[in-house]
Amino acid sequence: MGLHIMLAIYSLSSVCSKLASGYDFMSPQFVLYYGGMIALLGFYAIAWQQVIKRLPLTTAYANKAVTLIWGLIWGYLIFREPITPTKLAGAALVLVGVVLFSLADGDAA
C-alpha cells in the first residue's frame, strides 16, 4: 500500500510540470510549480530507495506502471481531460499486468 501511495505522490510531479508549462519562464507561478515538481521528485528518489530495500526490484518496477493510472485520474480531476473507453481499456490492461505479475512473483501488489 505504501508503494502505491508513493507512486501517486510521484505522479503529481507530472501535474506540477504541466501546470508550470502554462506560465512564462521564471514567472512566480512557473517557479512555484517547477519547484514543487523538483520537491516531489526529491521525495520520490528517497522513498524509492526505501522501497527497493524492502521489495524485490522486479516487483517494485512492475508496480511502477500504476503511475499511468494515476496520470489518468489527475488528468481528469485537475485538467478535466476526458477518460475515453480506449484509455480505460489501457488502464485495465496495466492493472491486470501488475496483478498477474504480482501473483506470479508471489507478492501482493
PDB file of N, CA and C in Angstrom:
ATOM      1  N   MET A   1       0.833  -1.198   0.000  1.00  0.00           N
ATOM      2  CA  MET A   1       0.000   0.000   0.000  1.00  0.00           C
ATOM      3  C   MET A   1       0.872   1.255   0.000  1.00  0.00           C
ATOM      4  N   GLY A   2       1.928   1.225   0.812  1.00  0.00           N
ATOM      5  CA  GLY A   2       2.835   2.374   0.867  1.00  0.00           C
ATOM      6  C   GLY A   2       3.473   2.666  -0.479  1.00  0.00           C
ATOM      7  N   LEU A   3       3.786   1.584  -1.222  1.00  0.00           N
ATOM      8  CA  LEU A   3       4.366   1.760  -2.560  1.00  0.00           C
ATOM      9  C   LEU A   3       3.412   2.521  -3.463  1.00  0.00           C
ATOM     10  N   HIS A   4       2.139   2.189  -3.412  1.00  0.00           N
ATOM     11  CA  HIS A   4       1.168   2.836  -4.284  1.00  0.00           C
ATOM     12  C   HIS A   4       0.892   4.282  -3.862  1.00  0.00           C
ATOM     13  N   ILE A   5       0.939   4.566  -2.593  1.00  0.00           N
ATOM     14  CA  ILE A   5       0.811   5.956  -2.132  1.00  0.00           C
ATOM     15  C   ILE A   5       1.997   6.765  -2.628  1.00  0.00           C
ATOM     16  N   MET A   6       3.196   6.187  -2.530  1.00  0.00           N
ATOM     17  CA  MET A   6       4.394   6.866  -3.006  1.00  0.00           C
ATOM     18  C   MET A   6       4.317   7.111  -4.515  1.00  0.00           C
ATOM     19  N   LEU A   7       3.796   6.137  -5.261  1.00  0.00           N
ATOM     20  CA  LEU A   7       3.673   6.307  -6.710  1.00  0.00           C
ATOM     21  C   LEU A   7       2.629   7.371  -7.065  1.00  0.00           C
ATOM     22  N   ALA A   8       1.583   7.469  -6.270  1.00  0.00           N
ATOM     23  CA  ALA A   8       0.587   8.527  -6.503  1.00  0.00           C
ATOM     24  C   ALA A   8       1.217   9.899  -6.280  1.00  0.00           C
ATOM     25  N   ILE A   9       2.010  10.019  -5.235  1.00  0.00           N
ATOM     26  CA  ILE A   9       2.703  11.287  -4.968  1.00  0.00           C
ATOM     27  C   ILE A   9       3.689  11.588  -6.087  1.00  0.00           C
ATOM     28  N   TYR A  10       4.421  10.559  -6.533  1.00  0.00           N
ATOM     29  CA  TYR A  10       5.368  10.722  -7.634  1.00  0.00           C
ATOM     30  C   TYR A  10       4.662  11.223  -8.892  1.00  0.00           C
ATOM     31  N   SER A  11       3.481  10.692  -9.179  1.00  0.00           N
ATOM     32  CA  SER A  11       2.758  11.091 -10.384  1.00  0.00           C
ATOM     33  C   SER A  11       2.336  12.556 -10.348  1.00  0.00           C
ATOM     34  N   LEU A  12       2.252  13.119  -9.150  1.00  0.00           N
ATOM     35  CA  LEU A  12       1.912  14.541  -9.045  1.00  0.00           C
ATOM     36  C   LEU A  12       3.022  15.441  -9.598  1.00  0.00           C
ATOM     37  N   SER A  13       4.241  14.912  -9.731  1.00  0.00           N
ATOM     38  CA  SER A  13       5.319  15.721 -10.324  1.00  0.00           C
ATOM     39  C   SER A  13       4.977  16.065 -11.769  1.00  0.00           C
ATOM     40  N   SER A  14       4.308  15.159 -12.471  1.00  0.00           N
ATOM     41  CA  SER A  14       3.879  15.447 -13.844  1.00  0.00           C
ATOM     42  C   SER A  14       2.801  16.518 -13.867  1.00  0.00           C
ATOM     43  N   VAL A  15       1.947  16.519 -12.854  1.00  0.00           N
ATOM     44  CA  VAL A  15       0.916  17.563 -12.751  1.00  0.00           C
ATOM     45  C   VAL A  15       1.583  18.924 -12.587  1.00  0.00           C
ATOM     46  N   CYS A  16       2.563  18.989 -11.686  1.00  0.00           N
ATOM     47  CA  CYS A  16       3.285  20.251 -11.482  1.00  0.00           C
ATOM     48  C   CYS A  16       3.984  20.692 -12.766  1.00  0.00           C
ATOM     49  N   SER A  17       4.542  19.737 -13.480  1.00  0.00           N
ATOM     50  CA  SER A  17       5.223  20.047 -14.735  1.00  0.00           C
ATOM     51  C   SER A  17       4.247  20.645 -15.751  1.00  0.00           C
ATOM     52  N   LYS A  18       3.083  20.041 -15.877  1.00  0.00           N
ATOM     53  CA  LYS A  18       2.086  20.555 -16.820  1.00  0.00           C
ATOM     54  C   LYS A  18       1.584  21.926 -16.391  1.00  0.00           C
ATOM     55  N   LEU A  19       1.387  22.124 -15.100  1.00  0.00           N
ATOM     56  CA  LEU A  19       0.950  23.429 -14.615  1.00  0.00           C
ATOM     57  C   LEU A  19       2.014  24.492 -14.865  1.00  0.00           C
ATOM     58  N   ALA A  20       3.294  24.144 -14.647  1.00  0.00           N
ATOM     59  CA  ALA A  20       4.395  25.090 -14.876  1.00  0.00           C
ATOM     60  C   ALA A  20       4.454  25.504 -16.335  1.00  0.00           C
ATOM     61  N   SER A  21       4.146  24.583 -17.236  1.00  0.00           N
ATOM     62  CA  SER A  21       4.244  24.885 -18.667  1.00  0.00           C
ATOM     63  C   SER A  21       3.243  25.946 -19.114  1.00  0.00           C
ATOM     64  N   GLY A  22       2.244  26.216 -18.300  1.00  0.00           N
ATOM     65  CA  GLY A  22       1.244  27.216 -18.657  1.00  0.00           C
ATOM     66  C   GLY A  22       1.632  28.638 -18.295  1.00  0.00           C
ATOM     67  N   TYR A  23       2.804  28.826 -17.731  1.00  0.00           N
ATOM     68  CA  TYR A  23       3.237  30.155 -17.300  1.00  0.00           C
ATOM     69  C   TYR A  23       4.552  30.537 -17.972  1.00  0.00           C
ATOM     70  N   ASP A  24       4.813  31.828 -18.014  1.00  0.00           N
ATOM     71  CA  ASP A  24       6.065  32.320 -18.576  1.00  0.00           C
ATOM     72  C   ASP A  24       7.241  31.806 -17.760  1.00  0.00           C
ATOM     73  N   PHE A  25       8.334  31.546 -18.463  1.00  0.00           N
ATOM     74  CA  PHE A  25       9.553  31.064 -17.826  1.00  0.00           C
ATOM     75  C   PHE A  25      10.001  32.039 -16.747  1.00  0.00           C
ATOM     76  N   MET A  26      10.257  31.505 -15.561  1.00  0.00           N
ATOM     77  CA  MET A  26      10.736  32.241 -14.385  1.00  0.00           C
ATOM     78  C   MET A  26       9.698  33.183 -13.770  1.00  0.00           C
ATOM     79  N   SER A  27       8.457  33.092 -14.188  1.00  0.00           N
ATOM     80  CA  SER A  27       7.406  33.848 -13.504  1.00  0.00           C
ATOM     81  C   SER A  27       7.215  33.204 -12.131  1.00  0.00           C
ATOM     82  N   PRO A  28       6.626  33.924 -11.177  1.00  0.00           N
ATOM     83  CA  PRO A  28       6.427  33.330  -9.840  1.00  0.00           C
ATOM     84  C   PRO A  28       5.645  32.005  -9.878  1.00  0.00           C
ATOM     85  N   GLN A  29       4.635  31.919 -10.724  1.00  0.00           N
ATOM     86  CA  GLN A  29       3.845  30.692 -10.815  1.00  0.00           C
ATOM     87  C   GLN A  29       4.686  29.544 -11.397  1.00  0.00           C
ATOM     88  N   PHE A  30       5.491  29.858 -12.427  1.00  0.00           N
ATOM     89  CA  PHE A  30       6.366  28.846 -13.021  1.00  0.00           C
ATOM     90  C   PHE A  30       7.333  28.306 -11.973  1.00  0.00           C
ATOM     91  N   VAL A  31       7.957  29.216 -11.237  1.00  0.00           N
ATOM     92  CA  VAL A  31       8.932  28.818 -10.216  1.00  0.00           C
ATOM     93  C   VAL A  31       8.251  27.979  -9.130  1.00  0.00           C
ATOM     94  N   LEU A  32       7.044  28.355  -8.744  1.00  0.00           N
ATOM     95  CA  LEU A  32       6.302  27.609  -7.724  1.00  0.00           C
ATOM     96  C   LEU A  32       6.030  26.174  -8.186  1.00  0.00           C
ATOM     97  N   TYR A  33       5.464  26.031  -9.378  1.00  0.00           N
ATOM     98  CA  TYR A  33       5.126  24.692  -9.864  1.00  0.00           C
ATOM     99  C   TYR A  33       6.375  23.877 -10.205  1.00  0.00           C
ATOM    100  N   TYR A  34       7.382  24.517 -10.784  1.00  0.00           N
ATOM    101  CA  TYR A  34       8.612  23.809 -11.107  1.00  0.00           C
ATOM    102  C   TYR A  34       9.328  23.377  -9.827  1.00  0.00           C
ATOM    103  N   GLY A  35       9.326  24.252  -8.833  1.00  0.00           N
ATOM    104  CA  GLY A  35       9.906  23.895  -7.533  1.00  0.00           C
ATOM    105  C   GLY A  35       9.145  22.756  -6.881  1.00  0.00           C
ATOM    106  N   GLY A  36       7.821  22.764  -7.012  1.00  0.00           N
ATOM    107  CA  GLY A  36       7.011  21.665  -6.492  1.00  0.00           C
ATOM    108  C   GLY A  36       7.350  20.352  -7.167  1.00  0.00           C
ATOM    109  N   MET A  37       7.561  20.432  -8.470  1.00  0.00           N
ATOM    110  CA  MET A  37       7.939  19.225  -9.208  1.00  0.00           C
ATOM    111  C   MET A  37       9.278  18.678  -8.705  1.00  0.00           C
ATOM    112  N   ILE A  38      10.243  19.543  -8.509  1.00  0.00           N
ATOM    113  CA  ILE A  38      11.556  19.120  -8.019  1.00  0.00           C
ATOM    114  C   ILE A  38      11.447  18.539  -6.606  1.00  0.00           C
ATOM    115  N   ALA A  39      10.638  19.168  -5.765  1.00  0.00           N
ATOM    116  CA  ALA A  39      10.445  18.657  -4.399  1.00  0.00           C
ATOM    117  C   ALA A  39       9.806  17.268  -4.420  1.00  0.00           C
ATOM    118  N   LEU A  40       8.802  17.082  -5.261  1.00  0.00           N
ATOM    119  CA  LEU A  40       8.149  15.778  -5.352  1.00  0.00           C
ATOM    120  C   LEU A  40       9.110  14.711  -5.883  1.00  0.00           C
ATOM    121  N   LEU A  41       9.933  15.090  -6.852  1.00  0.00           N
ATOM    122  CA  LEU A  41      10.918  14.131  -7.370  1.00  0.00           C
ATOM    123  C   LEU A  41      11.981  13.803  -6.326  1.00  0.00           C
ATOM    124  N   GLY A  42      12.330  14.782  -5.495  1.00  0.00           N
ATOM    125  CA  GLY A  42      13.263  14.524  -4.398  1.00  0.00           C
ATOM    126  C   GLY A  42      12.676  13.552  -3.395  1.00  0.00           C
ATOM    127  N   PHE A  43      11.414  13.767  -3.032  1.00  0.00           N
ATOM    128  CA  PHE A  43      10.714  12.833  -2.139  1.00  0.00           C
ATOM    129  C   PHE A  43      10.699  11.440  -2.747  1.00  0.00           C
ATOM    130  N   TYR A  44      10.373  11.375  -4.019  1.00  0.00           N
ATOM    131  CA  TYR A  44      10.293  10.090  -4.710  1.00  0.00           C
ATOM    132  C   TYR A  44      11.647   9.379  -4.704  1.00  0.00           C
ATOM    133  N   ALA A  45      12.719  10.097  -4.962  1.00  0.00           N
ATOM    134  CA  ALA A  45      14.049   9.481  -5.008  1.00  0.00           C
ATOM    135  C   ALA A  45      14.390   8.824  -3.670  1.00  0.00           C
ATOM    136  N   ILE A  46      14.093   9.512  -2.584  1.00  0.00           N
ATOM    137  CA  ILE A  46      14.377   8.961  -1.252  1.00  0.00           C
ATOM    138  C   ILE A  46      13.443   7.784  -0.952  1.00  0.00           C
ATOM    139  N   ALA A  47      12.161   7.956  -1.244  1.00  0.00           N
ATOM    140  CA  ALA A  47      11.189   6.886  -0.977  1.00  0.00           C
ATOM    141  C   ALA A  47      11.480   5.653  -1.828  1.00  0.00           C
ATOM    142  N   TRP A  48      11.885   5.855  -3.081  1.00  0.00           N
ATOM    143  CA  TRP A  48      12.174   4.729  -3.965  1.00  0.00           C
ATOM    144  C   TRP A  48      13.324   3.883  -3.420  1.00  0.00           C
ATOM    145  N   GLN A  49      14.324   4.548  -2.846  1.00  0.00           N
ATOM    146  CA  GLN A  49      15.439   3.803  -2.248  1.00  0.00           C
ATOM    147  C   GLN A  49      14.948   2.912  -1.106  1.00  0.00           C
ATOM    148  N   GLN A  50      13.992   3.403  -0.343  1.00  0.00           N
ATOM    149  CA  GLN A  50      13.438   2.602   0.749  1.00  0.00           C
ATOM    150  C   GLN A  50      12.619   1.429   0.208  1.00  0.00           C
ATOM    151  N   VAL A  51      11.898   1.671  -0.881  1.00  0.00           N
ATOM    152  CA  VAL A  51      11.088   0.611  -1.482  1.00  0.00           C
ATOM    153  C   VAL A  51      11.974  -0.513  -1.984  1.00  0.00           C
ATOM    154  N   ILE A  52      13.032  -0.183  -2.714  1.00  0.00           N
ATOM    155  CA  ILE A  52      13.846  -1.249  -3.299  1.00  0.00           C
ATOM    156  C   ILE A  52      14.707  -1.965  -2.264  1.00  0.00           C
ATOM    157  N   LYS A  53      14.817  -1.383  -1.065  1.00  0.00           N
ATOM    158  CA  LYS A  53      15.469  -2.112   0.027  1.00  0.00           C
ATOM    159  C   LYS A  53      14.554  -3.209   0.565  1.00  0.00           C
ATOM    160  N   ARG A  54      13.246  -2.989   0.459  1.00  0.00           N
ATOM    161  CA  ARG A  54      12.283  -3.885   1.095  1.00  0.00           C
ATOM    162  C   ARG A  54      11.572  -4.842   0.138  1.00  0.00           C
ATOM    163  N   LEU A  55      11.537  -4.497  -1.143  1.00  0.00           N
ATOM    164  CA  LEU A  55      10.829  -5.333  -2.118  1.00  0.00           C
ATOM    165  C   LEU A  55      11.792  -5.805  -3.194  1.00  0.00           C
ATOM    166  N   PRO A  56      11.484  -6.936  -3.816  1.00  0.00           N
ATOM    167  CA  PRO A  56      12.290  -7.329  -4.977  1.00  0.00           C
ATOM    168  C   PRO A  56      12.185  -6.262  -6.070  1.00  0.00           C
ATOM    169  N   LEU A  57      13.260  -6.022  -6.751  1.00  0.00           N
ATOM    170  CA  LEU A  57      13.304  -4.978  -7.774  1.00  0.00           C
ATOM    171  C   LEU A  57      12.264  -5.216  -8.861  1.00  0.00           C
ATOM    172  N   THR A  58      12.073  -6.463  -9.247  1.00  0.00           N
ATOM    173  CA  THR A  58      11.085  -6.761 -10.290  1.00  0.00           C
ATOM    174  C   THR A  58       9.677  -6.396  -9.843  1.00  0.00           C
ATOM    175  N   THR A  59       9.359  -6.643  -8.601  1.00  0.00           N
ATOM    176  CA  THR A  59       8.036  -6.290  -8.068  1.00  0.00           C
ATOM    177  C   THR A  59       7.856  -4.778  -8.020  1.00  0.00           C
ATOM    178  N   ALA A  60       8.867  -4.075  -7.543  1.00  0.00           N
ATOM    179  CA  ALA A  60       8.790  -2.620  -7.454  1.00  0.00           C
ATOM    180  C   ALA A  60       8.593  -2.002  -8.835  1.00  0.00           C
ATOM    181  N   TYR A  61       9.366  -2.453  -9.823  1.00  0.00           N
ATOM    182  CA  TYR A  61       9.251  -1.885 -11.167  1.00  0.00           C
ATOM    183  C   TYR A  61       7.938  -2.252 -11.832  1.00  0.00           C
ATOM    184  N   ALA A  62       7.439  -3.445 -11.609  1.00  0.00           N
ATOM    185  CA  ALA A  62       6.146  -3.831 -12.184  1.00  0.00           C
ATOM    186  C   ALA A  62       5.033  -2.936 -11.649  1.00  0.00           C
ATOM    187  N   ASN A  63       5.081  -2.616 -10.371  1.00  0.00           N
ATOM    188  CA  ASN A  63       4.049  -1.762  -9.770  1.00  0.00           C
ATOM    189  C   ASN A  63       4.177  -0.308 -10.203  1.00  0.00           C
ATOM    190  N   LYS A  64       5.342   0.075 -10.695  1.00  0.00           N
ATOM    191  CA  LYS A  64       5.557   1.453 -11.152  1.00  0.00           C
ATOM    192  C   LYS A  64       4.624   1.813 -12.322  1.00  0.00           C
ATOM    193  N   ALA A  65       4.149   0.802 -13.034  1.00  0.00           N
ATOM    194  CA  ALA A  65       3.229   1.039 -14.150  1.00  0.00           C
ATOM    195  C   ALA A  65       1.918   1.676 -13.689  1.00  0.00           C
ATOM    196  N   VAL A  66       1.626   1.564 -12.414  1.00  0.00           N
ATOM    197  CA  VAL A  66       0.391   2.143 -11.868  1.00  0.00           C
ATOM    198  C   VAL A  66       0.393   3.674 -11.994  1.00  0.00           C
ATOM    199  N   THR A  67       1.551   4.285 -12.164  1.00  0.00           N
ATOM    200  CA  THR A  67       1.593   5.748 -12.325  1.00  0.00           C
ATOM    201  C   THR A  67       0.813   6.194 -13.559  1.00  0.00           C
ATOM    202  N   LEU A  68       0.684   5.321 -14.550  1.00  0.00           N
ATOM    203  CA  LEU A  68      -0.132   5.653 -15.722  1.00  0.00           C
ATOM    204  C   LEU A  68      -1.591   5.857 -15.320  1.00  0.00           C
ATOM    205  N   ILE A  69      -2.055   5.042 -14.414  1.00  0.00           N
ATOM    206  CA  ILE A  69      -3.447   5.155 -13.953  1.00  0.00           C
ATOM    207  C   ILE A  69      -3.620   6.430 -13.142  1.00  0.00           C
ATOM    208  N   TRP A  70      -2.628   6.742 -12.300  1.00  0.00           N
ATOM    209  CA  TRP A  70      -2.698   8.000 -11.559  1.00  0.00           C
ATOM    210  C   TRP A  70      -2.705   9.185 -12.518  1.00  0.00           C
ATOM    211  N   GLY A  71      -1.972   9.080 -13.604  1.00  0.00           N
ATOM    212  CA  GLY A  71      -1.990  10.140 -14.610  1.00  0.00           C
ATOM    213  C   GLY A  71      -3.380  10.360 -15.183  1.00  0.00           C
ATOM    214  N   LEU A  72      -4.088   9.281 -15.435  1.00  0.00           N
ATOM    215  CA  LEU A  72      -5.471   9.388 -15.905  1.00  0.00           C
ATOM    216  C   LEU A  72      -6.356  10.082 -14.868  1.00  0.00           C
ATOM    217  N   ILE A  73      -6.184   9.671 -13.620  1.00  0.00           N
ATOM    218  CA  ILE A  73      -7.008  10.245 -12.542  1.00  0.00           C
ATOM    219  C   ILE A  73      -6.721  11.727 -12.382  1.00  0.00           C
ATOM    220  N   TRP A  74      -5.441  12.102 -12.292  1.00  0.00           N
ATOM    221  CA  TRP A  74      -5.097  13.523 -12.130  1.00  0.00           C
ATOM    222  C   TRP A  74      -5.527  14.328 -13.350  1.00  0.00           C
ATOM    223  N   GLY A  75      -5.352  13.764 -14.544  1.00  0.00           N
ATOM    224  CA  GLY A  75      -5.772  14.471 -15.758  1.00  0.00           C
ATOM    225  C   GLY A  75      -7.256  14.785 -15.733  1.00  0.00           C
ATOM    226  N   TYR A  76      -8.044  13.831 -15.290  1.00  0.00           N
ATOM    227  CA  TYR A  76      -9.488  14.038 -15.216  1.00  0.00           C
ATOM    228  C   TYR A  76      -9.857  15.035 -14.116  1.00  0.00           C
ATOM    229  N   LEU A  77      -9.308  14.844 -12.917  1.00  0.00           N
ATOM    230  CA  LEU A  77      -9.690  15.682 -11.774  1.00  0.00           C
ATOM    231  C   LEU A  77      -9.157  17.115 -11.870  1.00  0.00           C
ATOM    232  N   ILE A  78      -7.936  17.274 -12.348  1.00  0.00           N
ATOM    233  CA  ILE A  78      -7.311  18.600 -12.322  1.00  0.00           C
ATOM    234  C   ILE A  78      -7.476  19.340 -13.645  1.00  0.00           C
ATOM    235  N   PHE A  79      -7.315  18.623 -14.769  1.00  0.00           N
ATOM    236  CA  PHE A  79      -7.314  19.285 -16.071  1.00  0.00           C
ATOM    237  C   PHE A  79      -8.578  19.024 -16.881  1.00  0.00           C
ATOM    238  N   ARG A  80      -9.499  18.276 -16.306  1.00  0.00           N
ATOM    239  CA  ARG A  80     -10.763  17.940 -16.967  1.00  0.00           C
ATOM    240  C   ARG A  80     -10.542  17.247 -18.313  1.00  0.00           C
ATOM    241  N   GLU A  81      -9.494  16.435 -18.385  1.00  0.00           N
ATOM    242  CA  GLU A  81      -9.230  15.660 -19.595  1.00  0.00           C
ATOM    243  C   GLU A  81     -10.199  14.477 -19.620  1.00  0.00           C
ATOM    244  N   PRO A  82     -10.729  14.157 -20.783  1.00  0.00           N
ATOM    245  CA  PRO A  82     -11.699  13.053 -20.837  1.00  0.00           C
ATOM    246  C   PRO A  82     -11.030  11.693 -20.636  1.00  0.00           C
ATOM    247  N   ILE A  83     -11.785  10.795 -20.020  1.00  0.00           N
ATOM    248  CA  ILE A  83     -11.347   9.407 -19.893  1.00  0.00           C
ATOM    249  C   ILE A  83     -12.163   8.617 -20.910  1.00  0.00           C
ATOM    250  N   THR A  84     -11.500   8.220 -21.971  1.00  0.00           N
ATOM    251  CA  THR A  84     -12.163   7.524 -23.071  1.00  0.00           C
ATOM    252  C   THR A  84     -12.166   6.015 -22.831  1.00  0.00           C
ATOM    253  N   PRO A  85     -13.017   5.305 -23.558  1.00  0.00           N
ATOM    254  CA  PRO A  85     -13.012   3.835 -23.437  1.00  0.00           C
ATOM    255  C   PRO A  85     -11.636   3.231 -23.752  1.00  0.00           C
ATOM    256  N   THR A  86     -10.931   3.817 -24.695  1.00  0.00           N
ATOM    257  CA  THR A  86      -9.600   3.309 -25.030  1.00  0.00           C
ATOM    258  C   THR A  86      -8.639   3.494 -23.857  1.00  0.00           C
ATOM    259  N   LYS A  87      -8.712   4.646 -23.203  1.00  0.00           N
ATOM    260  CA  LYS A  87      -7.857   4.888 -22.029  1.00  0.00           C
ATOM    261  C   LYS A  87      -8.222   3.934 -20.891  1.00  0.00           C
ATOM    262  N   LEU A  88      -9.515   3.695 -20.697  1.00  0.00           N
ATOM    263  CA  LEU A  88      -9.947   2.746 -19.667  1.00  0.00           C
ATOM    264  C   LEU A  88      -9.450   1.335 -19.964  1.00  0.00           C
ATOM    265  N   ALA A  89      -9.514   0.949 -21.225  1.00  0.00           N
ATOM    266  CA  ALA A  89      -9.025  -0.379 -21.610  1.00  0.00           C
ATOM    267  C   ALA A  89      -7.520  -0.480 -21.346  1.00  0.00           C
ATOM    268  N   GLY A  90      -6.792   0.566 -21.669  1.00  0.00           N
ATOM    269  CA  GLY A  90      -5.356   0.575 -21.404  1.00  0.00           C
ATOM    270  C   GLY A  90      -5.053   0.500 -19.921  1.00  0.00           C
ATOM    271  N   ALA A  91      -5.801   1.257 -19.121  1.00  0.00           N
ATOM    272  CA  ALA A  91      -5.606   1.232 -17.665  1.00  0.00           C
ATOM    273  C   ALA A  91      -5.921  -0.149 -17.106  1.00  0.00           C
ATOM    274  N   ALA A  92      -6.979  -0.766 -17.612  1.00  0.00           N
ATOM    275  CA  ALA A  92      -7.339  -2.106 -17.153  1.00  0.00           C
ATOM    276  C   ALA A  92      -6.244  -3.110 -17.523  1.00  0.00           C
ATOM    277  N   LEU A  93      -5.680  -2.965 -18.699  1.00  0.00           N
ATOM    278  CA  LEU A  93      -4.595  -3.847 -19.126  1.00  0.00           C
ATOM    279  C   LEU A  93      -3.376  -3.701 -18.222  1.00  0.00           C
ATOM    280  N   VAL A  94      -3.064  -2.457 -17.860  1.00  0.00           N
ATOM    281  CA  VAL A  94      -1.947  -2.209 -16.946  1.00  0.00           C
ATOM    282  C   VAL A  94      -2.214  -2.863 -15.592  1.00  0.00           C
ATOM    283  N   LEU A  95      -3.419  -2.663 -15.057  1.00  0.00           N
ATOM    284  CA  LEU A  95      -3.762  -3.257 -13.755  1.00  0.00           C
ATOM    285  C   LEU A  95      -3.706  -4.777 -13.797  1.00  0.00           C
ATOM    286  N   VAL A  96      -4.233  -5.359 -14.850  1.00  0.00           N
ATOM    287  CA  VAL A  96      -4.193  -6.817 -14.980  1.00  0.00           C
ATOM    288  C   VAL A  96      -2.744  -7.295 -15.024  1.00  0.00           C
ATOM    289  N   GLY A  97      -1.909  -6.588 -15.764  1.00  0.00           N
ATOM    290  CA  GLY A  97      -0.499  -6.960 -15.838  1.00  0.00           C
ATOM    291  C   GLY A  97       0.196  -6.892 -14.491  1.00  0.00           C
ATOM    292  N   VAL A  98      -0.061  -5.836 -13.743  1.00  0.00           N
ATOM    293  CA  VAL A  98       0.555  -5.689 -12.416  1.00  0.00           C
ATOM    294  C   VAL A  98       0.079  -6.792 -11.486  1.00  0.00           C
ATOM    295  N   VAL A  99      -1.216  -7.069 -11.499  1.00  0.00           N
ATOM    296  CA  VAL A  99      -1.762  -8.115 -10.621  1.00  0.00           C
ATOM    297  C   VAL A  99      -1.213  -9.488 -11.014  1.00  0.00           C
ATOM    298  N   LEU A 100      -1.208  -9.798 -12.313  1.00  0.00           N
ATOM    299  CA  LEU A 100      -0.688 -11.091 -12.752  1.00  0.00           C
ATOM    300  C   LEU A 100       0.782 -11.248 -12.405  1.00  0.00           C
ATOM    301  N   PHE A 101       1.561 -10.199 -12.590  1.00  0.00           N
ATOM    302  CA  PHE A 101       2.979 -10.264 -12.249  1.00  0.00           C
ATOM    303  C   PHE A 101       3.155 -10.473 -10.753  1.00  0.00           C
ATOM    304  N   SER A 102       2.383  -9.748  -9.958  1.00  0.00           N
ATOM    305  CA  SER A 102       2.483  -9.870  -8.508  1.00  0.00           C
ATOM    306  C   SER A 102       2.086 -11.269  -8.042  1.00  0.00           C
ATOM    307  N   LEU A 103       1.049 -11.834  -8.635  1.00  0.00           N
ATOM    308  CA  LEU A 103       0.638 -13.184  -8.273  1.00  0.00           C
ATOM    309  C   LEU A 103       1.688 -14.213  -8.686  1.00  0.00           C
ATOM    310  N   ALA A 104       2.268 -14.030  -9.862  1.00  0.00           N
ATOM    311  CA  ALA A 104       3.292 -14.963 -10.337  1.00  0.00           C
ATOM    312  C   ALA A 104       4.557 -14.859  -9.501  1.00  0.00           C
ATOM    313  N   ASP A 105       4.830 -13.641  -9.006  1.00  0.00           N
ATOM    314  CA  ASP A 105       6.027 -13.405  -8.213  1.00  0.00           C
ATOM    315  C   ASP A 105       5.815 -13.813  -6.748  1.00  0.00           C
ATOM    316  N   GLY A 106       4.549 -14.011  -6.374  1.00  0.00           N
ATOM    317  CA  GLY A 106       4.253 -14.428  -5.006  1.00  0.00           C
ATOM    318  C   GLY A 106       4.129 -13.267  -4.034  1.00  0.00           C
ATOM    319  N   ASP A 107       4.119 -12.024  -4.516  1.00  0.00           N
ATOM    320  CA  ASP A 107       3.992 -10.839  -3.650  1.00  0.00           C
ATOM    321  C   ASP A 107       2.651 -10.187  -3.877  1.00  0.00           C
ATOM    322  N   ALA A 108       2.141  -9.520  -2.860  1.00  0.00           N
ATOM    323  CA  ALA A 108       0.916  -8.743  -3.004  1.00  0.00           C
ATOM    324  C   ALA A 108       1.288  -7.367  -3.518  1.00  0.00           C
ATOM    325  N   ALA A 109       0.552  -6.858  -4.483  1.00  0.00           N
ATOM    326  CA  ALA A 109       0.839  -5.546  -5.071  1.00  0.00           C
ATOM    327  C   ALA A 109       0.458  -4.426  -4.171  1.00  0.00           C
TER     328      ALA A 109
END
